[in-house]
C-alpha cells in the first residue's frame, strides 16, 4: 500500500486492486464502508497531512 500512496492521502491494496483517495481525515474510509465496499483483507497506508 505504501508503494501505491504516491501523492494520495490514502491507499488500500489487495491482490493487485488499488483504491486511492485524496480526501483528508477518515472521510475516504468512512465513505468506503458506508458504500458497502468490502475492504476486508486490504493493506492500507495513509499520509499524515498538517
N, C-alpha and C. Protein backbone atom coordinates (compact mmCIF):
# COMPACT_ATOMS: atom_id res chain seq x y z
N UNK A 1 0.82 -1.20 0.00
CA UNK A 1 0.00 0.00 0.00
C UNK A 1 0.87 1.26 0.00
N UNK A 2 1.97 1.21 0.73
CA UNK A 2 2.84 2.38 0.79
C UNK A 2 3.37 2.74 -0.59
N UNK A 3 3.71 1.74 -1.39
CA UNK A 3 4.23 1.99 -2.74
C UNK A 3 3.18 2.61 -3.65
N UNK A 4 1.90 2.42 -3.35
CA UNK A 4 0.82 2.97 -4.17
C UNK A 4 0.36 4.33 -3.68
N UNK A 5 0.87 4.77 -2.55
CA UNK A 5 0.41 6.01 -1.94
C UNK A 5 0.73 7.23 -2.81
N UNK A 6 1.95 7.32 -3.31
CA UNK A 6 2.33 8.47 -4.14
C UNK A 6 1.97 9.78 -3.46
N UNK A 7 1.20 10.63 -4.14
CA UNK A 7 0.78 11.90 -3.55
C UNK A 7 -0.62 11.83 -2.95
N UNK A 8 -1.23 10.65 -2.97
CA UNK A 8 -2.57 10.47 -2.42
C UNK A 8 -2.53 10.51 -0.90
N UNK A 9 -3.67 10.74 -0.27
CA UNK A 9 -3.72 10.77 1.19
C UNK A 9 -3.93 9.38 1.78
N UNK A 10 -4.50 8.46 1.00
CA UNK A 10 -4.70 7.10 1.48
C UNK A 10 -4.67 6.13 0.29
N UNK A 11 -4.16 4.94 0.54
CA UNK A 11 -4.14 3.89 -0.48
C UNK A 11 -4.46 2.56 0.19
N UNK A 12 -5.32 1.77 -0.44
CA UNK A 12 -5.64 0.43 0.03
C UNK A 12 -5.34 -0.54 -1.11
N UNK A 13 -4.72 -1.67 -0.80
CA UNK A 13 -4.31 -2.62 -1.83
C UNK A 13 -4.62 -4.05 -1.41
N UNK A 14 -5.03 -4.86 -2.41
CA UNK A 14 -5.24 -6.29 -2.19
C UNK A 14 -5.26 -6.98 -3.54
N UNK A 15 -4.41 -7.99 -3.69
CA UNK A 15 -4.37 -8.81 -4.90
C UNK A 15 -4.34 -7.98 -6.19
N UNK A 16 -3.55 -6.93 -6.21
CA UNK A 16 -3.42 -6.10 -7.40
C UNK A 16 -4.47 -5.01 -7.54
N UNK A 17 -5.50 -5.03 -6.70
CA UNK A 17 -6.52 -3.97 -6.73
C UNK A 17 -6.05 -2.84 -5.83
N UNK A 18 -6.09 -1.61 -6.35
CA UNK A 18 -5.64 -0.45 -5.60
C UNK A 18 -6.76 0.57 -5.54
N UNK A 19 -7.06 1.05 -4.34
CA UNK A 19 -8.04 2.11 -4.13
C UNK A 19 -7.29 3.28 -3.51
N UNK A 20 -7.40 4.46 -4.11
CA UNK A 20 -6.72 5.64 -3.57
C UNK A 20 -7.73 6.77 -3.40
N UNK A 21 -7.36 7.72 -2.55
CA UNK A 21 -8.18 8.90 -2.35
C UNK A 21 -7.28 10.07 -1.98
N UNK A 22 -7.74 11.25 -2.29
CA UNK A 22 -7.02 12.47 -1.93
C UNK A 22 -7.76 13.25 -0.85
N UNK A 23 -8.86 12.69 -0.36
CA UNK A 23 -9.62 13.37 0.69
C UNK A 23 -8.86 13.30 2.01
N UNK A 24 -9.20 14.21 2.91
CA UNK A 24 -8.50 14.32 4.18
C UNK A 24 -9.22 13.57 5.29
N UNK A 25 -8.48 13.27 6.33
CA UNK A 25 -9.04 12.65 7.52
C UNK A 25 -9.51 11.23 7.26
N UNK A 26 -10.56 10.84 7.99
CA UNK A 26 -11.09 9.48 7.87
C UNK A 26 -12.17 9.38 6.81
N UNK A 27 -12.46 10.49 6.12
CA UNK A 27 -13.53 10.51 5.11
C UNK A 27 -13.41 9.41 4.07
N UNK A 28 -12.22 9.15 3.51
CA UNK A 28 -12.15 8.10 2.49
C UNK A 28 -12.58 6.73 3.03
N UNK A 29 -12.16 6.40 4.23
CA UNK A 29 -12.51 5.09 4.80
C UNK A 29 -13.98 5.01 5.17
N UNK A 30 -14.52 6.07 5.76
CA UNK A 30 -15.93 6.03 6.13
C UNK A 30 -16.82 5.97 4.89
N UNK A 31 -16.43 6.66 3.82
CA UNK A 31 -17.22 6.60 2.58
C UNK A 31 -17.20 5.20 1.98
N UNK A 32 -16.05 4.54 2.01
CA UNK A 32 -15.97 3.17 1.51
C UNK A 32 -16.86 2.23 2.32
N UNK A 33 -16.80 2.35 3.63
CA UNK A 33 -17.61 1.50 4.50
C UNK A 33 -19.09 1.76 4.28
N UNK A 34 -19.48 3.04 4.22
CA UNK A 34 -20.89 3.39 4.03
C UNK A 34 -21.41 2.95 2.66
N UNK A 35 -20.52 2.86 1.67
CA UNK A 35 -20.95 2.45 0.33
C UNK A 35 -21.14 0.94 0.24
N UNK A 36 -20.70 0.23 1.27
CA UNK A 36 -20.84 -1.22 1.27
C UNK A 36 -19.67 -1.94 0.63
N UNK A 37 -18.62 -1.20 0.30
CA UNK A 37 -17.44 -1.82 -0.30
C UNK A 37 -16.81 -2.80 0.68
N UNK A 38 -16.41 -3.96 0.17
CA UNK A 38 -15.75 -4.96 1.01
C UNK A 38 -14.25 -4.70 0.96
N UNK A 39 -13.73 -4.08 2.01
CA UNK A 39 -12.31 -3.77 2.06
C UNK A 39 -11.59 -4.66 3.06
N UNK A 40 -12.22 -5.75 3.46
CA UNK A 40 -11.58 -6.67 4.39
C UNK A 40 -10.37 -7.30 3.73
N UNK A 41 -9.29 -7.41 4.48
CA UNK A 41 -8.08 -8.00 3.96
C UNK A 41 -7.19 -7.06 3.17
N UNK A 42 -7.62 -5.83 2.96
CA UNK A 42 -6.81 -4.86 2.24
C UNK A 42 -5.70 -4.34 3.15
N UNK A 43 -4.55 -4.05 2.57
CA UNK A 43 -3.48 -3.35 3.28
C UNK A 43 -3.72 -1.87 3.06
N UNK A 44 -3.46 -1.07 4.09
CA UNK A 44 -3.74 0.37 3.99
C UNK A 44 -2.51 1.18 4.36
N UNK A 45 -2.38 2.33 3.71
CA UNK A 45 -1.35 3.31 4.05
C UNK A 45 -1.98 4.68 3.94
N UNK A 46 -1.60 5.56 4.87
CA UNK A 46 -2.12 6.93 4.79
C UNK A 46 -0.98 7.90 5.01
N UNK A 47 -1.24 9.12 4.58
CA UNK A 47 -0.25 10.18 4.69
C UNK A 47 -0.78 11.16 5.73
N UNK A 48 0.04 11.43 6.73
CA UNK A 48 -0.34 12.41 7.73
C UNK A 48 -0.08 13.78 7.14
N UNK A 49 -1.14 14.58 7.04
CA UNK A 49 -1.03 15.91 6.44
C UNK A 49 -1.31 16.95 7.51
N UNK A 50 -0.43 17.94 7.63
CA UNK A 50 -0.65 19.02 8.59
C UNK A 50 0.13 18.77 9.80
